Amino acid sequence: KSSILYGKIAHYAAMIHSYHKKDYATVITLLEPLTKLQKSSYMLYQLYPMVANAYLKLGKKDEALKNYQQALIHTQKMKKKTDKIEQKIKELSSEK
């Protein structure tokens, strides 16, 4: 059990390190597979915005929009505020 926890912590630390180094492609590589493995809205409402932000930083607006839309779904399921995500979706949708 401790090796699984260690692996998760190492994975998260690598993602944080990559984000701070502005290596957004690596952030996507580390997080996107998790969005497909997770079933928990609690985890997904946290993961999708991070993936969306990384795509946005890379200028990949269509991919960012798709991930913000998924973030909205899971944020609503968690009964959390959606204002910021809705604003991002509106901005990206209006640029099309």
Protein backbone atom coordinates (compact mmCIF):
# COMPACT_ATOMS: atom_id res chain seq x y z
CA LYS A 1 0.00 0.00 0.00
CA SER A 2 2.79 2.45 0.79
CA SER A 3 4.38 1.91 -2.63
CA ILE A 4 1.09 2.84 -4.33
CA LEU A 5 0.86 5.99 -2.20
CA TYR A 6 4.49 6.80 -2.97
CA GLY A 7 3.79 6.40 -6.69
CA LYS A 8 0.79 8.73 -6.51
CA ILE A 9 2.77 11.35 -4.59
CA ALA A 10 5.66 11.11 -7.07
CA HIS A 11 3.27 11.46 -10.00
CA TYR A 12 1.64 14.53 -8.43
CA ALA A 13 5.03 16.06 -7.60
CA ALA A 14 6.17 15.56 -11.20
CA MET A 15 3.04 17.30 -12.45
CA ILE A 16 3.49 20.26 -10.08
CA HIS A 17 7.16 20.53 -11.03
CA SER A 18 6.28 20.47 -14.74
CA TYR A 19 3.60 23.13 -14.29
CA HIS A 20 5.99 25.46 -12.50
CA LYS A 21 8.59 24.90 -15.22
CA LYS A 22 5.87 25.76 -17.76
CA ASP A 23 6.24 22.34 -19.34
CA TYR A 24 2.53 22.12 -20.10
CA ALA A 25 2.87 19.23 -22.54
CA THR A 26 4.22 17.08 -19.70
CA VAL A 27 1.40 18.23 -17.42
CA ILE A 28 -1.08 16.98 -20.03
CA THR A 29 0.84 13.72 -20.46
CA LEU A 30 0.73 13.12 -16.70
CA LEU A 31 -2.88 14.16 -16.05
CA GLU A 32 -4.89 13.26 -19.11
CA PRO A 33 -4.64 9.48 -18.57
CA LEU A 34 -5.95 10.01 -15.04
CA THR A 35 -9.10 11.67 -16.38
CA LYS A 36 -9.85 8.47 -18.27
CA LEU A 37 -9.15 6.19 -15.29
CA GLN A 38 -11.03 8.16 -12.65
CA LYS A 39 -14.72 7.67 -12.04
CA SER A 40 -14.96 9.96 -9.04
CA SER A 41 -16.41 13.41 -9.76
CA TYR A 42 -14.40 14.63 -6.77
CA MET A 43 -11.16 13.80 -8.58
CA LEU A 44 -12.40 14.76 -12.04
CA TYR A 45 -13.57 18.22 -11.01
CA GLN A 46 -9.97 18.83 -9.93
CA LEU A 47 -8.22 17.15 -12.86
CA TYR A 48 -10.13 18.56 -15.84
CA PRO A 49 -9.43 22.25 -15.06
CA MET A 50 -5.71 21.51 -14.72
CA VAL A 51 -5.65 19.73 -18.08
CA ALA A 52 -7.74 22.52 -19.64
CA ASN A 53 -5.39 25.21 -18.31
CA ALA A 54 -2.37 23.36 -19.68
CA TYR A 55 -3.97 23.10 -23.13
CA LEU A 56 -4.85 26.79 -22.98
CA LYS A 57 -1.24 27.68 -22.12
CA LEU A 58 -0.18 25.74 -25.23
CA GLY A 59 -2.70 27.64 -27.35
CA LYS A 60 -4.79 24.52 -28.00
CA LYS A 61 -8.14 26.19 -27.44
CA ASP A 62 -10.37 23.41 -28.79
CA GLU A 63 -8.81 20.87 -26.42
CA ALA A 64 -8.99 23.38 -23.57
CA LEU A 65 -12.69 23.95 -24.26
CA LYS A 66 -13.46 20.21 -24.23
CA ASN A 67 -11.73 19.83 -20.88
CA TYR A 68 -13.43 22.90 -19.39
CA GLN A 69 -16.77 21.43 -20.47
CA GLN A 70 -15.94 18.21 -18.64
CA ALA A 71 -14.78 20.24 -15.65
CA LEU A 72 -18.15 21.99 -15.59
CA ILE A 73 -20.04 18.69 -15.52
CA HIS A 74 -18.06 17.35 -12.57
CA THR A 75 -17.97 20.66 -10.73
CA GLN A 76 -21.77 20.79 -10.91
CA LYS A 77 -21.96 17.22 -9.60
CA MET A 78 -19.83 18.31 -6.64
CA LYS A 79 -22.16 21.30 -6.11
CA LYS A 80 -19.20 23.69 -6.31
CA LYS A 81 -19.15 27.18 -7.82
CA THR A 82 -18.93 27.09 -11.59
CA ASP A 83 -18.58 30.81 -12.40
CA LYS A 84 -14.92 30.71 -13.44
CA ILE A 85 -15.30 27.58 -15.55
CA GLU A 86 -18.44 28.93 -17.23
CA GLN A 87 -16.56 32.16 -18.01
CA LYS A 88 -13.69 30.21 -19.61
CA ILE A 89 -16.16 28.19 -21.71
CA LYS A 90 -17.92 31.38 -22.79
CA GLU A 91 -14.63 33.05 -23.75
CA LEU A 92 -13.38 30.05 -25.71
CA SER A 93 -16.73 29.47 -27.41
CA SER A 94 -16.94 33.09 -28.54
CA GLU A 95 -13.50 32.84 -30.17
CA LYS A 96 -14.70 30.15 -32.59
